[in-house]
Amino acid sequence: MTAEKKHALYLVKDGENGGTPRLFAAEDVDAAKANGWAEPDFPKSNGEPWNAEGDLDAQDAAAELAQAKRDGEEKAAAKEAAKAESKKK
């Protein structure tokens, strides 16, 4: 028996992100749901449902790209901080 593949999902939480669903990476979905985030019970502006089966692979790719961007930004910020620290010496 194979485990069902987890996917990145759009989740929403009252008072967070202006009520707009936020994309969570597959590995973060369970923790987000435990923290009060839930799948939206309203459609997208085009009338389509959030997290539709046909959209899941694209959502996975988008979440991976977003994580790669955050990782790159964190690396650049750390490099800049190290550079600034070395100038203080």
PDB file of N, CA and C in Angstrom:
ATOM      1  N   MET A   1       0.851  -1.182   0.000  1.00  0.00           N
ATOM      2  CA  MET A   1       0.000   0.000   0.000  1.00  0.00           C
ATOM      3  C   MET A   1       0.894   1.242   0.000  1.00  0.00           C
ATOM      4  N   THR A   2       0.625   2.169  -0.896  1.00  0.00           N
ATOM      5  CA  THR A   2       1.437   3.381  -0.989  1.00  0.00           C
ATOM      6  C   THR A   2       0.743   4.526  -0.259  1.00  0.00           C
ATOM      7  N   ALA A   3       1.544   5.369   0.327  1.00  0.00           N
ATOM      8  CA  ALA A   3       1.006   6.539   1.024  1.00  0.00           C
ATOM      9  C   ALA A   3       0.568   7.573  -0.005  1.00  0.00           C
ATOM     10  N   GLU A   4      -0.503   8.248   0.309  1.00  0.00           N
ATOM     11  CA  GLU A   4      -0.985   9.294  -0.590  1.00  0.00           C
ATOM     12  C   GLU A   4      -0.006  10.457  -0.563  1.00  0.00           C
ATOM     13  N   LYS A   5       0.332  10.965  -1.747  1.00  0.00           N
ATOM     14  CA  LYS A   5       1.271  12.079  -1.842  1.00  0.00           C
ATOM     15  C   LYS A   5       0.634  13.331  -1.264  1.00  0.00           C
ATOM     16  N   LYS A   6       1.395  14.019  -0.441  1.00  0.00           N
ATOM     17  CA  LYS A   6       0.916  15.287   0.106  1.00  0.00           C
ATOM     18  C   LYS A   6       1.237  16.385  -0.891  1.00  0.00           C
ATOM     19  N   HIS A   7       0.378  17.361  -0.950  1.00  0.00           N
ATOM     20  CA  HIS A   7       0.540  18.472  -1.883  1.00  0.00           C
ATOM     21  C   HIS A   7       0.547  19.798  -1.135  1.00  0.00           C
ATOM     22  N   ALA A   8       1.120  20.789  -1.782  1.00  0.00           N
ATOM     23  CA  ALA A   8       1.024  22.156  -1.287  1.00  0.00           C
ATOM     24  C   ALA A   8      -0.445  22.563  -1.385  1.00  0.00           C
ATOM     25  N   LEU A   9      -0.920  23.284  -0.382  1.00  0.00           N
ATOM     26  CA  LEU A   9      -2.319  23.698  -0.366  1.00  0.00           C
ATOM     27  C   LEU A   9      -2.448  25.171  -0.011  1.00  0.00           C
ATOM     28  N   TYR A  10      -3.486  25.777  -0.571  1.00  0.00           N
ATOM     29  CA  TYR A  10      -3.859  27.123  -0.156  1.00  0.00           C
ATOM     30  C   TYR A  10      -4.725  26.978   1.090  1.00  0.00           C
ATOM     31  N   LEU A  11      -4.355  27.711   2.137  1.00  0.00           N
ATOM     32  CA  LEU A  11      -5.097  27.699   3.390  1.00  0.00           C
ATOM     33  C   LEU A  11      -5.397  29.133   3.798  1.00  0.00           C
ATOM     34  N   VAL A  12      -6.434  29.289   4.596  1.00  0.00           N
ATOM     35  CA  VAL A  12      -6.849  30.611   5.051  1.00  0.00           C
ATOM     36  C   VAL A  12      -7.087  30.554   6.557  1.00  0.00           C
ATOM     37  N   LYS A  13      -6.847  31.702   7.223  1.00  0.00           N
ATOM     38  CA  LYS A  13      -7.082  31.803   8.667  1.00  0.00           C
ATOM     39  C   LYS A  13      -7.620  33.193   8.949  1.00  0.00           C
ATOM     40  N   ASP A  14      -8.671  33.265   9.752  1.00  0.00           N
ATOM     41  CA  ASP A  14      -9.244  34.565  10.116  1.00  0.00           C
ATOM     42  C   ASP A  14      -8.178  35.458  10.724  1.00  0.00           C
ATOM     43  N   GLY A  15      -8.123  36.694  10.253  1.00  0.00           N
ATOM     44  CA  GLY A  15      -7.192  37.669  10.791  1.00  0.00           C
ATOM     45  C   GLY A  15      -5.771  37.557  10.266  1.00  0.00           C
ATOM     46  N   GLU A  16      -5.519  36.651   9.345  1.00  0.00           N
ATOM     47  CA  GLU A  16      -4.178  36.461   8.788  1.00  0.00           C
ATOM     48  C   GLU A  16      -4.190  36.728   7.286  1.00  0.00           C
ATOM     49  N   ASN A  17      -3.146  37.368   6.798  1.00  0.00           N
ATOM     50  CA  ASN A  17      -2.944  37.573   5.362  1.00  0.00           C
ATOM     51  C   ASN A  17      -4.125  38.290   4.705  1.00  0.00           C
ATOM     52  N   GLY A  18      -4.796  39.134   5.454  1.00  0.00           N
ATOM     53  CA  GLY A  18      -5.913  39.893   4.912  1.00  0.00           C
ATOM     54  C   GLY A  18      -7.084  39.041   4.446  1.00  0.00           C
ATOM     55  N   GLY A  19      -7.194  37.827   4.972  1.00  0.00           N
ATOM     56  CA  GLY A  19      -8.267  36.922   4.571  1.00  0.00           C
ATOM     57  C   GLY A  19      -8.020  36.237   3.242  1.00  0.00           C
ATOM     58  N   THR A  20      -6.855  36.501   2.657  1.00  0.00           N
ATOM     59  CA  THR A  20      -6.494  35.885   1.381  1.00  0.00           C
ATOM     60  C   THR A  20      -5.803  34.552   1.641  1.00  0.00           C
ATOM     61  N   PRO A  21      -6.189  33.495   0.945  1.00  0.00           N
ATOM     62  CA  PRO A  21      -5.504  32.212   1.120  1.00  0.00           C
ATOM     63  C   PRO A  21      -4.010  32.324   0.835  1.00  0.00           C
ATOM     64  N   ARG A  22      -3.234  31.588   1.606  1.00  0.00           N
ATOM     65  CA  ARG A  22      -1.780  31.569   1.481  1.00  0.00           C
ATOM     66  C   ARG A  22      -1.351  30.160   1.098  1.00  0.00           C
ATOM     67  N   LEU A  23      -0.370  30.061   0.219  1.00  0.00           N
ATOM     68  CA  LEU A  23       0.126  28.761  -0.230  1.00  0.00           C
ATOM     69  C   LEU A  23       1.126  28.211   0.776  1.00  0.00           C
ATOM     70  N   PHE A  24       0.861  27.009   1.273  1.00  0.00           N
ATOM     71  CA  PHE A  24       1.758  26.315   2.187  1.00  0.00           C
ATOM     72  C   PHE A  24       2.374  25.125   1.471  1.00  0.00           C
ATOM     73  N   ALA A  25       3.681  24.939   1.658  1.00  0.00           N
ATOM     74  CA  ALA A  25       4.369  23.776   1.100  1.00  0.00           C
ATOM     75  C   ALA A  25       3.781  22.513   1.723  1.00  0.00           C
ATOM     76  N   ALA A  26       3.848  21.407   0.998  1.00  0.00           N
ATOM     77  CA  ALA A  26       3.259  20.148   1.447  1.00  0.00           C
ATOM     78  C   ALA A  26       3.701  19.778   2.859  1.00  0.00           C
ATOM     79  N   GLU A  27       5.001  19.966   3.145  1.00  0.00           N
ATOM     80  CA  GLU A  27       5.507  19.572   4.462  1.00  0.00           C
ATOM     81  C   GLU A  27       5.051  20.503   5.586  1.00  0.00           C
ATOM     82  N   ASP A  28       4.468  21.647   5.260  1.00  0.00           N
ATOM     83  CA  ASP A  28       4.018  22.606   6.264  1.00  0.00           C
ATOM     84  C   ASP A  28       2.504  22.609   6.475  1.00  0.00           C
ATOM     85  N   VAL A  29       1.770  21.878   5.652  1.00  0.00           N
ATOM     86  CA  VAL A  29       0.305  21.912   5.702  1.00  0.00           C
ATOM     87  C   VAL A  29      -0.232  21.406   7.042  1.00  0.00           C
ATOM     88  N   ASP A  30       0.252  20.267   7.528  1.00  0.00           N
ATOM     89  CA  ASP A  30      -0.271  19.711   8.783  1.00  0.00           C
ATOM     90  C   ASP A  30      -0.056  20.665   9.953  1.00  0.00           C
ATOM     91  N   ALA A  31       1.127  21.264  10.041  1.00  0.00           N
ATOM     92  CA  ALA A  31       1.418  22.208  11.125  1.00  0.00           C
ATOM     93  C   ALA A  31       0.527  23.444  11.016  1.00  0.00           C
ATOM     94  N   ALA A  32       0.319  23.921   9.801  1.00  0.00           N
ATOM     95  CA  ALA A  32      -0.539  25.094   9.607  1.00  0.00           C
ATOM     96  C   ALA A  32      -1.974  24.783  10.026  1.00  0.00           C
ATOM     97  N   LYS A  33      -2.464  23.608   9.634  1.00  0.00           N
ATOM     98  CA  LYS A  33      -3.827  23.224  10.020  1.00  0.00           C
ATOM     99  C   LYS A  33      -3.945  23.100  11.535  1.00  0.00           C
ATOM    100  N   ALA A  34      -2.900  22.591  12.188  1.00  0.00           N
ATOM    101  CA  ALA A  34      -2.904  22.478  13.647  1.00  0.00           C
ATOM    102  C   ALA A  34      -2.892  23.856  14.304  1.00  0.00           C
ATOM    103  N   ASN A  35      -2.446  24.867  13.550  1.00  0.00           N
ATOM    104  CA  ASN A  35      -2.369  26.237  14.055  1.00  0.00           C
ATOM    105  C   ASN A  35      -3.579  27.076  13.635  1.00  0.00           C
ATOM    106  N   GLY A  36      -4.638  26.425  13.190  1.00  0.00           N
ATOM    107  CA  GLY A  36      -5.872  27.134  12.885  1.00  0.00           C
ATOM    108  C   GLY A  36      -6.118  27.491  11.434  1.00  0.00           C
ATOM    109  N   TRP A  37      -5.178  27.171  10.544  1.00  0.00           N
ATOM    110  CA  TRP A  37      -5.389  27.422   9.125  1.00  0.00           C
ATOM    111  C   TRP A  37      -6.277  26.307   8.569  1.00  0.00           C
ATOM    112  N   ALA A  38      -7.115  26.629   7.590  1.00  0.00           N
ATOM    113  CA  ALA A  38      -8.030  25.647   7.000  1.00  0.00           C
ATOM    114  C   ALA A  38      -8.163  25.904   5.504  1.00  0.00           C
ATOM    115  N   GLU A  39      -8.631  24.887   4.805  1.00  0.00           N
ATOM    116  CA  GLU A  39      -8.859  25.063   3.371  1.00  0.00           C
ATOM    117  C   GLU A  39     -10.008  26.051   3.184  1.00  0.00           C
ATOM    118  N   PRO A  40      -9.878  26.970   2.234  1.00  0.00           N
ATOM    119  CA  PRO A  40     -10.919  27.974   2.011  1.00  0.00           C
ATOM    120  C   PRO A  40     -12.261  27.331   1.664  1.00  0.00           C
ATOM    121  N   ASP A  41     -13.335  27.893   2.219  1.00  0.00           N
ATOM    122  CA  ASP A  41     -14.676  27.391   1.910  1.00  0.00           C
ATOM    123  C   ASP A  41     -15.384  28.315   0.922  1.00  0.00           C
ATOM    124  N   PHE A  42     -14.592  29.118   0.217  1.00  0.00           N
ATOM    125  CA  PHE A  42     -15.125  30.026  -0.805  1.00  0.00           C
ATOM    126  C   PHE A  42     -14.298  29.843  -2.073  1.00  0.00           C
ATOM    127  N   PRO A  43     -14.885  30.145  -3.233  1.00  0.00           N
ATOM    128  CA  PRO A  43     -14.159  29.945  -4.495  1.00  0.00           C
ATOM    129  C   PRO A  43     -13.158  31.065  -4.783  1.00  0.00           C
ATOM    130  N   LYS A  44     -12.273  30.791  -5.731  1.00  0.00           N
ATOM    131  CA  LYS A  44     -11.374  31.826  -6.246  1.00  0.00           C
ATOM    132  C   LYS A  44     -12.227  32.870  -6.962  1.00  0.00           C
ATOM    133  N   SER A  45     -11.621  33.989  -7.313  1.00  0.00           N
ATOM    134  CA  SER A  45     -12.372  35.052  -7.992  1.00  0.00           C
ATOM    135  C   SER A  45     -12.916  34.602  -9.343  1.00  0.00           C
ATOM    136  N   ASN A  46     -12.303  33.555  -9.935  1.00  0.00           N
ATOM    137  CA  ASN A  46     -12.802  33.046 -11.218  1.00  0.00           C
ATOM    138  C   ASN A  46     -13.882  31.986 -11.040  1.00  0.00           C
ATOM    139  N   GLY A  47     -14.293  31.741  -9.795  1.00  0.00           N
ATOM    140  CA  GLY A  47     -15.351  30.781  -9.516  1.00  0.00           C
ATOM    141  C   GLY A  47     -14.867  29.357  -9.300  1.00  0.00           C
ATOM    142  N   GLU A  48     -13.597  29.097  -9.585  1.00  0.00           N
ATOM    143  CA  GLU A  48     -13.031  27.755  -9.405  1.00  0.00           C
ATOM    144  C   GLU A  48     -12.711  27.518  -7.928  1.00  0.00           C
ATOM    145  N   PRO A  49     -12.753  26.266  -7.491  1.00  0.00           N
ATOM    146  CA  PRO A  49     -12.412  25.982  -6.093  1.00  0.00           C
ATOM    147  C   PRO A  49     -10.909  26.079  -5.839  1.00  0.00           C
ATOM    148  N   TRP A  50     -10.553  26.400  -4.615  1.00  0.00           N
ATOM    149  CA  TRP A  50      -9.150  26.366  -4.205  1.00  0.00           C
ATOM    150  C   TRP A  50      -8.733  24.906  -4.084  1.00  0.00           C
ATOM    151  N   ASN A  51      -7.485  24.612  -4.347  1.00  0.00           N
ATOM    152  CA  ASN A  51      -6.900  23.280  -4.181  1.00  0.00           C
ATOM    153  C   ASN A  51      -7.590  22.208  -5.021  1.00  0.00           C
ATOM    154  N   ALA A  52      -8.016  22.588  -6.224  1.00  0.00           N
ATOM    155  CA  ALA A  52      -8.647  21.623  -7.126  1.00  0.00           C
ATOM    156  C   ALA A  52      -7.618  20.567  -7.528  1.00  0.00           C
ATOM    157  N   GLU A  53      -8.059  19.351  -7.716  1.00  0.00           N
ATOM    158  CA  GLU A  53      -7.173  18.231  -8.048  1.00  0.00           C
ATOM    159  C   GLU A  53      -6.250  18.557  -9.221  1.00  0.00           C
ATOM    160  N   GLY A  54      -6.768  19.215 -10.235  1.00  0.00           N
ATOM    161  CA  GLY A  54      -5.971  19.551 -11.411  1.00  0.00           C
ATOM    162  C   GLY A  54      -4.933  20.635 -11.180  1.00  0.00           C
ATOM    163  N   ASP A  55      -5.031  21.336 -10.063  1.00  0.00           N
ATOM    164  CA  ASP A  55      -4.097  22.425  -9.751  1.00  0.00           C
ATOM    165  C   ASP A  55      -2.966  22.007  -8.815  1.00  0.00           C
ATOM    166  N   LEU A  56      -3.058  20.822  -8.225  1.00  0.00           N
ATOM    167  CA  LEU A  56      -2.126  20.443  -7.161  1.00  0.00           C
ATOM    168  C   LEU A  56      -0.672  20.374  -7.605  1.00  0.00           C
ATOM    169  N   ASP A  57      -0.401  19.833  -8.787  1.00  0.00           N
ATOM    170  CA  ASP A  57       0.991  19.763  -9.248  1.00  0.00           C
ATOM    171  C   ASP A  57       1.570  21.163  -9.460  1.00  0.00           C
ATOM    172  N   ALA A  58       0.765  22.069 -10.001  1.00  0.00           N
ATOM    173  CA  ALA A  58       1.222  23.451 -10.199  1.00  0.00           C
ATOM    174  C   ALA A  58       1.447  24.137  -8.852  1.00  0.00           C
ATOM    175  N   GLN A  59       0.586  23.856  -7.876  1.00  0.00           N
ATOM    176  CA  GLN A  59       0.759  24.428  -6.543  1.00  0.00           C
ATOM    177  C   GLN A  59       2.045  23.907  -5.902  1.00  0.00           C
ATOM    178  N   ASP A  60       2.345  22.619  -6.108  1.00  0.00           N
ATOM    179  CA  ASP A  60       3.594  22.052  -5.581  1.00  0.00           C
ATOM    180  C   ASP A  60       4.789  22.794  -6.172  1.00  0.00           C
ATOM    181  N   ALA A  61       4.759  23.011  -7.479  1.00  0.00           N
ATOM    182  CA  ALA A  61       5.865  23.702  -8.156  1.00  0.00           C
ATOM    183  C   ALA A  61       5.986  25.142  -7.657  1.00  0.00           C
ATOM    184  N   ALA A  62       4.862  25.817  -7.496  1.00  0.00           N
ATOM    185  CA  ALA A  62       4.885  27.200  -7.012  1.00  0.00           C
ATOM    186  C   ALA A  62       5.444  27.278  -5.592  1.00  0.00           C
ATOM    187  N   ALA A  63       5.080  26.323  -4.751  1.00  0.00           N
ATOM    188  CA  ALA A  63       5.589  26.310  -3.377  1.00  0.00           C
ATOM    189  C   ALA A  63       7.091  26.052  -3.362  1.00  0.00           C
ATOM    190  N   GLU A  64       7.567  25.171  -4.242  1.00  0.00           N
ATOM    191  CA  GLU A  64       9.005  24.897  -4.332  1.00  0.00           C
ATOM    192  C   GLU A  64       9.769  26.143  -4.787  1.00  0.00           C
ATOM    193  N   LEU A  65       9.231  26.852  -5.773  1.00  0.00           N
ATOM    194  CA  LEU A  65       9.874  28.084  -6.242  1.00  0.00           C
ATOM    195  C   LEU A  65       9.897  29.147  -5.151  1.00  0.00           C
ATOM    196  N   ALA A  66       8.794  29.275  -4.428  1.00  0.00           N
ATOM    197  CA  ALA A  66       8.732  30.259  -3.351  1.00  0.00           C
ATOM    198  C   ALA A  66       9.757  29.928  -2.267  1.00  0.00           C
ATOM    199  N   GLN A  67       9.896  28.638  -1.942  1.00  0.00           N
ATOM    200  CA  GLN A  67      10.878  28.240  -0.928  1.00  0.00           C
ATOM    201  C   GLN A  67      12.292  28.515  -1.413  1.00  0.00           C
ATOM    202  N   ALA A  68      12.566  28.230  -2.672  1.00  0.00           N
ATOM    203  CA  ALA A  68      13.896  28.493  -3.233  1.00  0.00           C
ATOM    204  C   ALA A  68      14.203  29.990  -3.192  1.00  0.00           C
ATOM    205  N   LYS A  69      13.204  30.816  -3.476  1.00  0.00           N
ATOM    206  CA  LYS A  69      13.398  32.270  -3.425  1.00  0.00           C
ATOM    207  C   LYS A  69      13.695  32.718  -1.999  1.00  0.00           C
ATOM    208  N   ARG A  70      12.925  32.204  -1.022  1.00  0.00           N
ATOM    209  CA  ARG A  70      13.172  32.561   0.379  1.00  0.00           C
ATOM    210  C   ARG A  70      14.561  32.114   0.819  1.00  0.00           C
ATOM    211  N   ASP A  71      14.952  30.901   0.409  1.00  0.00           N
ATOM    212  CA  ASP A  71      16.287  30.396   0.757  1.00  0.00           C
ATOM    213  C   ASP A  71      17.374  31.305   0.186  1.00  0.00           C
ATOM    214  N   GLY A  72      17.206  31.727  -1.063  1.00  0.00           N
ATOM    215  CA  GLY A  72      18.175  32.617  -1.698  1.00  0.00           C
ATOM    216  C   GLY A  72      18.244  33.966  -1.006  1.00  0.00           C
ATOM    217  N   GLU A  73      17.084  34.489  -0.625  1.00  0.00           N
ATOM    218  CA  GLU A  73      17.045  35.775   0.074  1.00  0.00           C
ATOM    219  C   GLU A  73      17.708  35.672   1.446  1.00  0.00           C
ATOM    220  N   GLU A  74      17.468  34.557   2.150  1.00  0.00           N
ATOM    221  CA  GLU A  74      18.091  34.360   3.460  1.00  0.00           C
ATOM    222  C   GLU A  74      19.607  34.241   3.322  1.00  0.00           C
ATOM    223  N   LYS A  75      20.052  33.526   2.301  1.00  0.00           N
ATOM    224  CA  LYS A  75      21.487  33.357   2.069  1.00  0.00           C
ATOM    225  C   LYS A  75      22.128  34.715   1.755  1.00  0.00           C
ATOM    226  N   ALA A  76      21.468  35.510   0.913  1.00  0.00           N
ATOM    227  CA  ALA A  76      21.993  36.831   0.556  1.00  0.00           C
ATOM    228  C   ALA A  76      22.029  37.745   1.778  1.00  0.00           C
ATOM    229  N   ALA A  77      20.995  37.683   2.610  1.00  0.00           N
ATOM    230  CA  ALA A  77      20.958  38.516   3.814  1.00  0.00           C
ATOM    231  C   ALA A  77      22.061  38.110   4.788  1.00  0.00           C
ATOM    232  N   ALA A  78      22.291  36.809   4.928  1.00  0.00           N
ATOM    233  CA  ALA A  78      23.354  36.333   5.817  1.00  0.00           C
ATOM    234  C   ALA A  78      24.722  36.764   5.297  1.00  0.00           C
ATOM    235  N   LYS A  79      24.893  36.692   3.986  1.00  0.00           N
ATOM    236  CA  LYS A  79      26.164  37.105   3.379  1.00  0.00           C
ATOM    237  C   LYS A  79      26.382  38.603   3.596  1.00  0.00           C
ATOM    238  N   GLU A  80      25.336  39.389   3.421  1.00  0.00           N
ATOM    239  CA  GLU A  80      25.423  40.844   3.612  1.00  0.00           C
ATOM    240  C   GLU A  80      25.714  41.176   5.075  1.00  0.00           C
ATOM    241  N   ALA A  81      25.083  40.441   5.994  1.00  0.00           N
ATOM    242  CA  ALA A  81      25.330  40.668   7.420  1.00  0.00           C
ATOM    243  C   ALA A  81      26.774  40.328   7.780  1.00  0.00           C
ATOM    244  N   ALA A  82      27.285  39.243   7.228  1.00  0.00           N
ATOM    245  CA  ALA A  82      28.675  38.858   7.486  1.00  0.00           C
ATOM    246  C   ALA A  82      29.630  39.904   6.922  1.00  0.00           C
ATOM    247  N   LYS A  83      29.294  40.429   5.757  1.00  0.00           N
ATOM    248  CA  LYS A  83      30.119  41.464   5.128  1.00  0.00           C
ATOM    249  C   LYS A  83      30.126  42.728   5.990  1.00  0.00           C
ATOM    250  N   ALA A  84      28.960  43.126   6.489  1.00  0.00           N
ATOM    251  CA  ALA A  84      28.856  44.311   7.344  1.00  0.00           C
ATOM    252  C   ALA A  84      29.612  44.095   8.651  1.00  0.00           C
ATOM    253  N   GLU A  85      29.536  42.891   9.186  1.00  0.00           N
ATOM    254  CA  GLU A  85      30.236  42.577  10.438  1.00  0.00           C
ATOM    255  C   GLU A  85      31.746  42.638  10.244  1.00  0.00           C
ATOM    256  N   SER A  86      32.224  42.154   9.111  1.00  0.00           N
ATOM    257  CA  SER A  86      33.674  42.164   8.859  1.00  0.00           C
ATOM    258  C   SER A  86      34.199  43.594   8.670  1.00  0.00           C
ATOM    259  N   LYS A  87      33.358  44.500   8.205  1.00  0.00           N
ATOM    260  CA  LYS A  87      33.766  45.904   8.039  1.00  0.00           C
ATOM    261  C   LYS A  87      33.891  46.607   9.388  1.00  0.00           C
ATOM    262  N   LYS A  88      33.181  46.110  10.407  1.00  0.00           N
ATOM    263  CA  LYS A  88      33.242  46.705  11.741  1.00  0.00           C
ATOM    264  C   LYS A  88      34.583  46.439  12.404  1.00  0.00           C
ATOM    265  N   LYS A  89      35.239  45.383  12.001  1.00  0.00           N
ATOM    266  CA  LYS A  89      36.493  44.973  12.653  1.00  0.00           C
ATOM    267  C   LYS A  89      37.663  45.762  12.181  1.00  0.00           C
TER     268      LYS A  89
END
